[in-house]
Every structure is written in C-alpha cells, then in structure tokens.
Amino acid sequence: MLEIRELSKSFNIGTDNEVTIFSDFSLEINSGECTGILGANGCGKSTLFNIISGVIKPEKGEIILGGENISTLKENERAKYIGRVHQNPSMGVSPSLTILENISLSDKKCQKFTLRGLIKKDKTEEYKELLKTLDLGLENKIDTEVKYLSGGQRQSLSLLMATMNKPELLLLDEHTAALDPKTSRLIMEKTQELIKTQSITTMMISHNVKDTIKYSDRIVMLDRGRVVLDVRNRDITEKELLGIYNSRNYDSMAS
C-alpha cells in the first residue's frame, strides 16, 4: 500500500507568482491495484508523481510505501522500490545504448557495478525470454541501439525495464499519450497484462477517460490539488465520468 499523508507543496514561495499545488493532501493507494489519476493540466498530477518518486521535495508530508517511510530517501534511493514510465518514449531508456545494455542497466538498478561487468553472458538468454513477452521480435534485435526503435518499441522496452524487478510501485505518467491509437492500445494491453500478472501496485496518469475506466481498478480525479472523485471503475460509466470531467471547466495550465 502507498500512503500519502498531509502533503503540502507550493512553488515560487514568497513571490507574486506563488502557487500552492497541495495543502494537507492525503491519499491511500491499495496494494496490487491500478489507480487511474484523472484531471486537467494544473491539477497536480505530475507534481504528485514527482514528489512520490523524489524528484521534488514537499514542504510538508510523508510518503509511506509498503509500511516504510521513504520521505527522506533521495530519488535514486527510491528507484529501488519505484518504477516509472514517462510520456516521452525516450525518457525511460538510453537511446545510444543497445537493447541488451539497457536491460542490463535496469537489472542492476541501485546496485554497484563496473562498466566492464555490466553485461553477463549467462543473463542474455534470460533477457531474450523477457523480450519475447512483448511479442515485438526485440529478442532478435538485442544488439540494436535503442535509438533505431520505433516509439512503440521504445515504450514497450521502458515498460519491461520498469517492471522486470517487480517494483513495489509503478508510476505511469501518460505513457501512451505520444503514441498513435493502435500502438497506444497495444501498450495498454501489455501494461495491464504485466501489472495484473505481477500484482504491481500502479498509479496511472491519463487524459483518456475510456482507457482509465477500462484499465484501472479505481479512478481518482484531482482538481487544484484536491480529490473531487474517488470511485471504483465498475461503479461509473464512461459517459458519467466524461460528464464529470468536462463539467469541471478546467483552465489550461502546466501540470
């Protein structure tokens, strides 16, 4: 379980441009479930993910993951417990490295190693078997630099790398937004398969109401740093959710 306790975060404090994103914000995320996070730009979605993963620090509040307070851990220390897939397919991979090198790096996340000891030959077949689960033929391109892969292939690889060591928490930050509809659907199906098979606690930011209902167990809608809707996906229709979403009359702001 993930517990967010009394979180407060403001930007540009003490200036005319001061803006408060969260004020005493609390939320619990159930273990083994996928929670869809909805809300327009500026509601705090990305800020919340950045606080959870340690990218930015709040003024107040605690992050409890699996019963352990990780609030004081740095971003690289939290990476031991948290996997994240970004909107940009290139952010979760190293484009200049090969598929094999990328997977090897991910496998050694939070471990000490030398570049010479990065790739273990006895691991190559294991990595190929993992790649086969993507059904993209990447196991046959294991020595190909990632920059030559399509956006969908890179995002699939990012997803695989983020989940290969079964993190306690997976953060999906609009991870299909930059993909075409067909590729997006394939990525979402693979995402659901991975998180259900491994029972990974997941938070998924999305602007796609249909995907949020279809692939989430629970839906949380944010507005200006507050929870304005918290419902099981089976208890709301796409039409009802879309109506609530559109009725908020959000202004377009950076999230």
C-alpha atoms as a PDB file:
ATOM      1  CA  MET A   1       0.000   0.000   0.000  1.00  0.00           C
ATOM      2  CA  LEU A   2       1.042   3.578  -0.706  1.00  0.00           C
ATOM      3  CA  GLU A   3       0.061   6.215   1.831  1.00  0.00           C
ATOM      4  CA  ILE A   4       0.388   9.929   1.119  1.00  0.00           C
ATOM      5  CA  ARG A   5      -0.039  11.847   4.345  1.00  0.00           C
ATOM      6  CA  GLU A   6      -0.796  15.578   4.749  1.00  0.00           C
ATOM      7  CA  LEU A   7       1.224  16.616   1.720  1.00  0.00           C
ATOM      8  CA  SER A   8       1.833  20.317   1.070  1.00  0.00           C
ATOM      9  CA  LYS A   9       3.695  21.763  -1.903  1.00  0.00           C
ATOM     10  CA  SER A  10       3.959  25.303  -3.255  1.00  0.00           C
ATOM     11  CA  PHE A  11       6.135  26.884  -5.926  1.00  0.00           C
ATOM     12  CA  ASN A  12       7.713  30.370  -6.102  1.00  0.00           C
ATOM     13  CA  ILE A  13       7.184  30.808  -2.369  1.00  0.00           C
ATOM     14  CA  GLY A  14       7.371  34.414  -1.175  1.00  0.00           C
ATOM     15  CA  THR A  15       6.920  35.920  -4.641  1.00  0.00           C
ATOM     16  CA  ASP A  16       3.969  37.387  -6.514  1.00  0.00           C
ATOM     17  CA  ASN A  17       3.875  34.167  -8.526  1.00  0.00           C
ATOM     18  CA  GLU A  18       3.481  31.860  -5.529  1.00  0.00           C
ATOM     19  CA  VAL A  19       1.124  28.970  -6.269  1.00  0.00           C
ATOM     20  CA  THR A  20       0.012  26.207  -3.932  1.00  0.00           C
ATOM     21  CA  ILE A  21      -0.455  22.815  -5.570  1.00  0.00           C
ATOM     22  CA  PHE A  22      -1.201  20.701  -2.487  1.00  0.00           C
ATOM     23  CA  SER A  23      -2.284  21.662   1.010  1.00  0.00           C
ATOM     24  CA  ASP A  24      -2.589  18.851   3.584  1.00  0.00           C
ATOM     25  CA  PHE A  25      -3.318  16.366   0.794  1.00  0.00           C
ATOM     26  CA  SER A  26      -3.768  12.704   1.787  1.00  0.00           C
ATOM     27  CA  LEU A  27      -4.467   9.620  -0.312  1.00  0.00           C
ATOM     28  CA  GLU A  28      -4.140   5.845   0.040  1.00  0.00           C
ATOM     29  CA  ILE A  29      -3.425   3.558  -2.925  1.00  0.00           C
ATOM     30  CA  ASN A  30      -4.409  -0.080  -2.491  1.00  0.00           C
ATOM     31  CA  SER A  31      -1.842  -2.828  -2.988  1.00  0.00           C
ATOM     32  CA  GLY A  32      -1.971  -4.758  -6.254  1.00  0.00           C
ATOM     33  CA  GLU A  33      -4.431  -2.389  -7.900  1.00  0.00           C
ATOM     34  CA  CYS A  34      -4.181   0.087 -10.759  1.00  0.00           C
ATOM     35  CA  THR A  35      -5.453   3.528  -9.781  1.00  0.00           C
ATOM     36  CA  GLY A  36      -6.172   5.885 -12.661  1.00  0.00           C
ATOM     37  CA  ILE A  37      -5.406   9.538 -11.950  1.00  0.00           C
ATOM     38  CA  LEU A  38      -7.519  11.976 -13.965  1.00  0.00           C
ATOM     39  CA  GLY A  39      -7.541  15.746 -14.064  1.00  0.00           C
ATOM     40  CA  ALA A  40      -6.769  18.616 -16.391  1.00  0.00           C
ATOM     41  CA  ASN A  41      -3.432  20.385 -16.670  1.00  0.00           C
ATOM     42  CA  GLY A  42      -2.554  22.177 -13.450  1.00  0.00           C
ATOM     43  CA  CYS A  43      -4.457  19.863 -11.078  1.00  0.00           C
ATOM     44  CA  GLY A  44      -1.252  18.418  -9.598  1.00  0.00           C
ATOM     45  CA  LYS A  45      -0.909  15.023 -11.282  1.00  0.00           C
ATOM     46  CA  SER A  46       2.705  15.293 -12.423  1.00  0.00           C
ATOM     47  CA  THR A  47       3.707  17.169  -9.279  1.00  0.00           C
ATOM     48  CA  LEU A  48       2.294  14.299  -7.224  1.00  0.00           C
ATOM     49  CA  PHE A  49       4.319  11.752  -9.197  1.00  0.00           C
ATOM     50  CA  ASN A  50       7.464  13.846  -8.863  1.00  0.00           C
ATOM     51  CA  ILE A  51       7.001  14.056  -5.100  1.00  0.00           C
ATOM     52  CA  ILE A  52       6.367  10.320  -4.768  1.00  0.00           C
ATOM     53  CA  SER A  53       9.437   9.455  -6.833  1.00  0.00           C
ATOM     54  CA  GLY A  54      11.646  12.008  -5.064  1.00  0.00           C
ATOM     55  CA  VAL A  55      12.221  14.368  -7.993  1.00  0.00           C
ATOM     56  CA  ILE A  56      10.947  17.303  -5.937  1.00  0.00           C
ATOM     57  CA  LYS A  57      10.525  17.795  -2.191  1.00  0.00           C
ATOM     58  CA  PRO A  58       7.318  18.943  -0.498  1.00  0.00           C
ATOM     59  CA  GLU A  59       7.267  21.495   2.315  1.00  0.00           C
ATOM     60  CA  LYS A  60       5.349  19.005   4.444  1.00  0.00           C
ATOM     61  CA  GLY A  61       4.044  15.473   4.350  1.00  0.00           C
ATOM     62  CA  GLU A  62       5.065  11.836   4.345  1.00  0.00           C
ATOM     63  CA  ILE A  63       5.242   9.112   1.700  1.00  0.00           C
ATOM     64  CA  ILE A  64       4.741   5.627   3.166  1.00  0.00           C
ATOM     65  CA  LEU A  65       5.341   2.700   0.806  1.00  0.00           C
ATOM     66  CA  GLY A  66       4.790  -0.848   1.993  1.00  0.00           C
ATOM     67  CA  GLY A  67       4.796   0.353   5.581  1.00  0.00           C
ATOM     68  CA  GLU A  68       8.176   2.112   5.201  1.00  0.00           C
ATOM     69  CA  ASN A  69       8.575   5.877   5.351  1.00  0.00           C
ATOM     70  CA  ILE A  70      10.538   6.795   2.217  1.00  0.00           C
ATOM     71  CA  SER A  71      10.104  10.569   2.619  1.00  0.00           C
ATOM     72  CA  THR A  72      13.773  11.184   3.391  1.00  0.00           C
ATOM     73  CA  LEU A  73      15.124   8.963   0.599  1.00  0.00           C
ATOM     74  CA  LYS A  74      16.655  10.552  -2.485  1.00  0.00           C
ATOM     75  CA  GLU A  75      15.307   9.883  -5.967  1.00  0.00           C
ATOM     76  CA  ASN A  76      17.957   7.273  -6.778  1.00  0.00           C
ATOM     77  CA  GLU A  77      17.284   5.517  -3.456  1.00  0.00           C
ATOM     78  CA  ARG A  78      13.539   5.392  -4.097  1.00  0.00           C
ATOM     79  CA  ALA A  79      14.208   3.871  -7.519  1.00  0.00           C
ATOM     80  CA  LYS A  80      14.812   0.589  -5.706  1.00  0.00           C
ATOM     81  CA  TYR A  81      11.112   0.483  -4.888  1.00  0.00           C
ATOM     82  CA  ILE A  82       9.520   2.585  -7.630  1.00  0.00           C
ATOM     83  CA  GLY A  83       9.357   2.070 -11.397  1.00  0.00           C
ATOM     84  CA  ARG A  84       8.275   4.901 -13.690  1.00  0.00           C
ATOM     85  CA  VAL A  85       7.332   5.123 -17.358  1.00  0.00           C
ATOM     86  CA  HIS A  86       7.209   8.628 -18.852  1.00  0.00           C
ATOM     87  CA  GLN A  87       5.178  10.132 -21.678  1.00  0.00           C
ATOM     88  CA  ASN A  88       8.282  10.533 -23.851  1.00  0.00           C
ATOM     89  CA  PRO A  89       9.308   7.047 -25.078  1.00  0.00           C
ATOM     90  CA  SER A  90      12.981   8.032 -24.894  1.00  0.00           C
ATOM     91  CA  MET A  91      12.980   9.066 -21.222  1.00  0.00           C
ATOM     92  CA  GLY A  92      12.903   5.551 -19.838  1.00  0.00           C
ATOM     93  CA  VAL A  93      15.751   4.252 -21.995  1.00  0.00           C
ATOM     94  CA  SER A  94      19.263   5.223 -23.076  1.00  0.00           C
ATOM     95  CA  PRO A  95      18.904   5.656 -26.868  1.00  0.00           C
ATOM     96  CA  SER A  96      22.636   5.387 -27.605  1.00  0.00           C
ATOM     97  CA  LEU A  97      22.893   2.004 -25.851  1.00  0.00           C
ATOM     98  CA  THR A  98      21.732  -1.341 -27.196  1.00  0.00           C
ATOM     99  CA  ILE A  99      18.635  -3.183 -26.022  1.00  0.00           C
ATOM    100  CA  LEU A 100      20.886  -5.603 -24.143  1.00  0.00           C
ATOM    101  CA  GLU A 101      22.798  -2.787 -22.454  1.00  0.00           C
ATOM    102  CA  ASN A 102      19.549  -1.050 -21.458  1.00  0.00           C
ATOM    103  CA  ILE A 103      18.093  -4.176 -19.902  1.00  0.00           C
ATOM    104  CA  SER A 104      21.367  -4.928 -18.126  1.00  0.00           C
ATOM    105  CA  LEU A 105      21.400  -1.431 -16.637  1.00  0.00           C
ATOM    106  CA  SER A 106      17.823  -1.822 -15.450  1.00  0.00           C
ATOM    107  CA  ASP A 107      18.594  -5.210 -13.937  1.00  0.00           C
ATOM    108  CA  LYS A 108      21.411  -3.656 -11.914  1.00  0.00           C
ATOM    109  CA  LYS A 109      19.402  -0.639 -10.789  1.00  0.00           C
ATOM    110  CA  CYS A 110      20.529   0.532  -7.341  1.00  0.00           C
ATOM    111  CA  GLN A 111      23.436  -1.916  -7.380  1.00  0.00           C
ATOM    112  CA  LYS A 112      27.129  -1.137  -7.583  1.00  0.00           C
ATOM    113  CA  PHE A 113      28.813  -2.385 -10.749  1.00  0.00           C
ATOM    114  CA  THR A 114      31.562  -1.549 -13.219  1.00  0.00           C
ATOM    115  CA  LEU A 115      31.015  -0.940 -16.932  1.00  0.00           C
ATOM    116  CA  ARG A 116      33.139  -3.995 -17.640  1.00  0.00           C
ATOM    117  CA  GLY A 117      30.816  -6.087 -15.514  1.00  0.00           C
ATOM    118  CA  LEU A 118      27.601  -4.599 -16.893  1.00  0.00           C
ATOM    119  CA  ILE A 119      26.691  -7.443 -19.253  1.00  0.00           C
ATOM    120  CA  LYS A 120      26.746 -11.006 -18.035  1.00  0.00           C
ATOM    121  CA  LYS A 121      26.669 -13.532 -20.865  1.00  0.00           C
ATOM    122  CA  ASP A 122      24.751 -16.012 -18.746  1.00  0.00           C
ATOM    123  CA  LYS A 123      21.955 -13.422 -18.443  1.00  0.00           C
ATOM    124  CA  THR A 124      21.488 -12.824 -22.160  1.00  0.00           C
ATOM    125  CA  GLU A 125      19.121 -15.742 -22.725  1.00  0.00           C
ATOM    126  CA  GLU A 126      17.083 -14.694 -19.703  1.00  0.00           C
ATOM    127  CA  TYR A 127      16.737 -11.195 -21.142  1.00  0.00           C
ATOM    128  CA  LYS A 128      15.713 -12.620 -24.513  1.00  0.00           C
ATOM    129  CA  GLU A 129      12.950 -14.590 -22.849  1.00  0.00           C
ATOM    130  CA  LEU A 130      11.720 -11.400 -21.178  1.00  0.00           C
ATOM    131  CA  LEU A 131      11.741  -9.577 -24.507  1.00  0.00           C
ATOM    132  CA  LYS A 132       9.708 -12.368 -26.099  1.00  0.00           C
ATOM    133  CA  THR A 133       6.823 -11.489 -23.785  1.00  0.00           C
ATOM    134  CA  LEU A 134       6.454  -8.200 -25.668  1.00  0.00           C
ATOM    135  CA  ASP A 135       5.698 -10.022 -28.943  1.00  0.00           C
ATOM    136  CA  LEU A 136       7.677  -7.434 -30.905  1.00  0.00           C
ATOM    137  CA  GLY A 137      10.656  -9.519 -32.002  1.00  0.00           C
ATOM    138  CA  LEU A 138      13.046  -7.400 -29.932  1.00  0.00           C
ATOM    139  CA  GLU A 139      14.779 -10.552 -28.721  1.00  0.00           C
ATOM    140  CA  ASN A 140      16.183 -10.811 -32.249  1.00  0.00           C
ATOM    141  CA  LYS A 141      17.483  -7.222 -32.137  1.00  0.00           C
ATOM    142  CA  ILE A 142      19.159  -7.362 -28.752  1.00  0.00           C
ATOM    143  CA  ASP A 143      22.371  -5.732 -30.044  1.00  0.00           C
ATOM    144  CA  THR A 144      20.481  -2.900 -31.793  1.00  0.00           C
ATOM    145  CA  GLU A 145      20.835   0.619 -30.404  1.00  0.00           C
ATOM    146  CA  VAL A 146      17.533   1.754 -28.938  1.00  0.00           C
ATOM    147  CA  LYS A 147      17.525   4.978 -30.985  1.00  0.00           C
ATOM    148  CA  TYR A 148      16.678   2.878 -34.038  1.00  0.00           C
ATOM    149  CA  LEU A 149      13.486   1.510 -32.467  1.00  0.00           C
ATOM    150  CA  SER A 150      10.039   2.964 -33.053  1.00  0.00           C
ATOM    151  CA  GLY A 151       8.289   4.943 -30.330  1.00  0.00           C
ATOM    152  CA  GLY A 152       6.071   1.989 -29.514  1.00  0.00           C
ATOM    153  CA  GLN A 153       9.035  -0.376 -29.287  1.00  0.00           C
ATOM    154  CA  ARG A 154      10.919   2.023 -27.017  1.00  0.00           C
ATOM    155  CA  GLN A 155       7.899   2.477 -24.754  1.00  0.00           C
ATOM    156  CA  SER A 156       7.386  -1.290 -24.587  1.00  0.00           C
ATOM    157  CA  LEU A 157      11.028  -1.680 -23.618  1.00  0.00           C
ATOM    158  CA  SER A 158      10.657   1.074 -20.994  1.00  0.00           C
ATOM    159  CA  LEU A 159       7.662  -0.714 -19.517  1.00  0.00           C
ATOM    160  CA  LEU A 160       9.512  -4.018 -19.417  1.00  0.00           C
ATOM    161  CA  MET A 161      12.538  -2.407 -17.759  1.00  0.00           C
ATOM    162  CA  ALA A 162      10.374  -0.599 -15.200  1.00  0.00           C
ATOM    163  CA  THR A 163       8.686  -3.835 -14.113  1.00  0.00           C
ATOM    164  CA  MET A 164      11.361  -6.513 -14.583  1.00  0.00           C
ATOM    165  CA  ASN A 165      12.368  -6.450 -10.906  1.00  0.00           C
ATOM    166  CA  LYS A 166       8.769  -6.107  -9.709  1.00  0.00           C
ATOM    167  CA  PRO A 167       8.785  -2.681  -8.033  1.00  0.00           C
ATOM    168  CA  GLU A 168       6.525  -2.028  -5.072  1.00  0.00           C
ATOM    169  CA  LEU A 169       5.002   0.851  -7.007  1.00  0.00           C
ATOM    170  CA  LEU A 170       4.714   1.593 -10.736  1.00  0.00           C
ATOM    171  CA  LEU A 171       4.060   5.164 -11.907  1.00  0.00           C
ATOM    172  CA  LEU A 172       2.686   5.503 -15.444  1.00  0.00           C
ATOM    173  CA  ASP A 173       2.916   9.154 -16.449  1.00  0.00           C
ATOM    174  CA  GLU A 174       0.686   9.437 -19.546  1.00  0.00           C
ATOM    175  CA  HIS A 175       2.823   6.673 -21.021  1.00  0.00           C
ATOM    176  CA  THR A 176       0.723   6.241 -24.179  1.00  0.00           C
ATOM    177  CA  ALA A 177      -0.001   9.920 -24.918  1.00  0.00           C
ATOM    178  CA  ALA A 178       2.779  10.260 -27.511  1.00  0.00           C
ATOM    179  CA  LEU A 179       1.777   7.121 -29.431  1.00  0.00           C
ATOM    180  CA  ASP A 180      -0.674   6.565 -32.281  1.00  0.00           C
ATOM    181  CA  PRO A 181      -4.039   4.989 -31.318  1.00  0.00           C
ATOM    182  CA  LYS A 182      -3.158   1.463 -32.488  1.00  0.00           C
ATOM    183  CA  THR A 183       0.202   1.416 -30.702  1.00  0.00           C
ATOM    184  CA  SER A 184      -1.352   3.022 -27.627  1.00  0.00           C
ATOM    185  CA  ARG A 185      -3.902   0.220 -27.390  1.00  0.00           C
ATOM    186  CA  LEU A 186      -1.202  -2.431 -27.687  1.00  0.00           C
ATOM    187  CA  ILE A 187       0.880  -0.756 -24.968  1.00  0.00           C
ATOM    188  CA  MET A 188      -2.147  -0.505 -22.679  1.00  0.00           C
ATOM    189  CA  GLU A 189      -2.948  -4.195 -23.134  1.00  0.00           C
ATOM    190  CA  LYS A 190       0.646  -5.139 -22.390  1.00  0.00           C
ATOM    191  CA  THR A 191       0.636  -2.810 -19.380  1.00  0.00           C
ATOM    192  CA  GLN A 192      -2.475  -4.438 -17.961  1.00  0.00           C
ATOM    193  CA  GLU A 193      -1.033  -7.900 -18.517  1.00  0.00           C
ATOM    194  CA  LEU A 194       2.204  -7.044 -16.718  1.00  0.00           C
ATOM    195  CA  ILE A 195       0.689  -5.353 -13.683  1.00  0.00           C
ATOM    196  CA  LYS A 196      -2.023  -7.997 -13.249  1.00  0.00           C
ATOM    197  CA  THR A 197       0.374 -10.922 -13.666  1.00  0.00           C
ATOM    198  CA  GLN A 198       2.820  -9.452 -11.156  1.00  0.00           C
ATOM    199  CA  SER A 199       0.209  -7.764  -8.906  1.00  0.00           C
ATOM    200  CA  ILE A 200       2.102  -4.475  -9.051  1.00  0.00           C
ATOM    201  CA  THR A 201       0.570  -1.503  -7.258  1.00  0.00           C
ATOM    202  CA  THR A 202       0.143   1.074 -10.008  1.00  0.00           C
ATOM    203  CA  MET A 203      -0.808   4.724 -10.450  1.00  0.00           C
ATOM    204  CA  MET A 204      -1.619   5.791 -13.995  1.00  0.00           C
ATOM    205  CA  ILE A 205      -1.999   9.393 -15.131  1.00  0.00           C
ATOM    206  CA  SER A 206      -4.178   9.698 -18.207  1.00  0.00           C
ATOM    207  CA  HIS A 207      -6.355  12.155 -20.108  1.00  0.00           C
ATOM    208  CA  ASN A 208      -8.109   9.266 -21.838  1.00  0.00           C
ATOM    209  CA  VAL A 209     -11.343   8.605 -19.954  1.00  0.00           C
ATOM    210  CA  LYS A 210     -12.094   5.417 -21.889  1.00  0.00           C
ATOM    211  CA  ASP A 211      -8.677   3.898 -21.115  1.00  0.00           C
ATOM    212  CA  THR A 212      -8.922   4.964 -17.481  1.00  0.00           C
ATOM    213  CA  ILE A 213     -12.176   3.075 -16.986  1.00  0.00           C
ATOM    214  CA  LYS A 214     -11.071   0.039 -18.986  1.00  0.00           C
ATOM    215  CA  TYR A 215      -7.646  -0.491 -17.456  1.00  0.00           C
ATOM    216  CA  SER A 216      -7.958   0.884 -13.906  1.00  0.00           C
ATOM    217  CA  ASP A 217      -9.495  -0.720 -10.827  1.00  0.00           C
ATOM    218  CA  ARG A 218     -10.138   2.647  -9.223  1.00  0.00           C
ATOM    219  CA  ILE A 219     -10.413   6.194 -10.541  1.00  0.00           C
ATOM    220  CA  VAL A 220      -9.279   9.304  -8.671  1.00  0.00           C
ATOM    221  CA  MET A 221      -9.936  12.725 -10.171  1.00  0.00           C
ATOM    222  CA  LEU A 222      -7.949  15.739  -8.992  1.00  0.00           C
ATOM    223  CA  ASP A 223      -8.840  19.414  -9.227  1.00  0.00           C
ATOM    224  CA  ARG A 224      -6.450  22.063  -7.930  1.00  0.00           C
ATOM    225  CA  GLY A 225      -4.714  19.615  -5.639  1.00  0.00           C
ATOM    226  CA  ARG A 226      -7.895  18.103  -4.201  1.00  0.00           C
ATOM    227  CA  VAL A 227      -9.645  14.785  -4.753  1.00  0.00           C
ATOM    228  CA  VAL A 228     -13.021  15.564  -6.332  1.00  0.00           C
ATOM    229  CA  LEU A 229     -13.900  11.988  -7.321  1.00  0.00           C
ATOM    230  CA  ASP A 230     -12.850   8.604  -5.945  1.00  0.00           C
ATOM    231  CA  VAL A 231     -14.735   5.654  -7.399  1.00  0.00           C
ATOM    232  CA  ARG A 232     -14.325   2.020  -8.459  1.00  0.00           C
ATOM    233  CA  ASN A 233     -14.257   1.693 -12.245  1.00  0.00           C
ATOM    234  CA  ARG A 234     -17.172  -0.748 -12.165  1.00  0.00           C
ATOM    235  CA  ASP A 235     -19.362   1.847 -10.428  1.00  0.00           C
ATOM    236  CA  ILE A 236     -19.228   4.511 -13.140  1.00  0.00           C
ATOM    237  CA  THR A 237     -19.835   4.597 -16.882  1.00  0.00           C
ATOM    238  CA  GLU A 238     -17.659   6.261 -19.473  1.00  0.00           C
ATOM    239  CA  LYS A 239     -20.443   8.775 -20.170  1.00  0.00           C
ATOM    240  CA  GLU A 240     -20.817   9.642 -16.478  1.00  0.00           C
ATOM    241  CA  LEU A 241     -17.083  10.039 -15.982  1.00  0.00           C
ATOM    242  CA  LEU A 242     -16.685  12.131 -19.119  1.00  0.00           C
ATOM    243  CA  GLY A 243     -19.530  14.366 -17.965  1.00  0.00           C
ATOM    244  CA  ILE A 244     -17.888  14.941 -14.574  1.00  0.00           C
ATOM    245  CA  TYR A 245     -14.519  15.545 -16.217  1.00  0.00           C
ATOM    246  CA  ASN A 246     -15.888  18.103 -18.677  1.00  0.00           C
ATOM    247  CA  SER A 247     -18.035  19.835 -16.048  1.00  0.00           C
ATOM    248  CA  ARG A 248     -15.008  20.889 -14.062  1.00  0.00           C
ATOM    249  CA  ASN A 249     -14.332  23.683 -16.567  1.00  0.00           C
ATOM    250  CA  TYR A 250     -10.560  23.403 -16.190  1.00  0.00           C
ATOM    251  CA  ASP A 251      -8.250  26.135 -17.345  1.00  0.00           C
ATOM    252  CA  SER A 252      -5.269  25.047 -19.427  1.00  0.00           C
ATOM    253  CA  MET A 253      -2.246  25.225 -17.134  1.00  0.00           C
ATOM    254  CA  ALA A 254       1.027  23.314 -16.810  1.00  0.00           C
ATOM    255  CA  SER A 255       0.656  20.275 -14.557  1.00  0.00           C
END
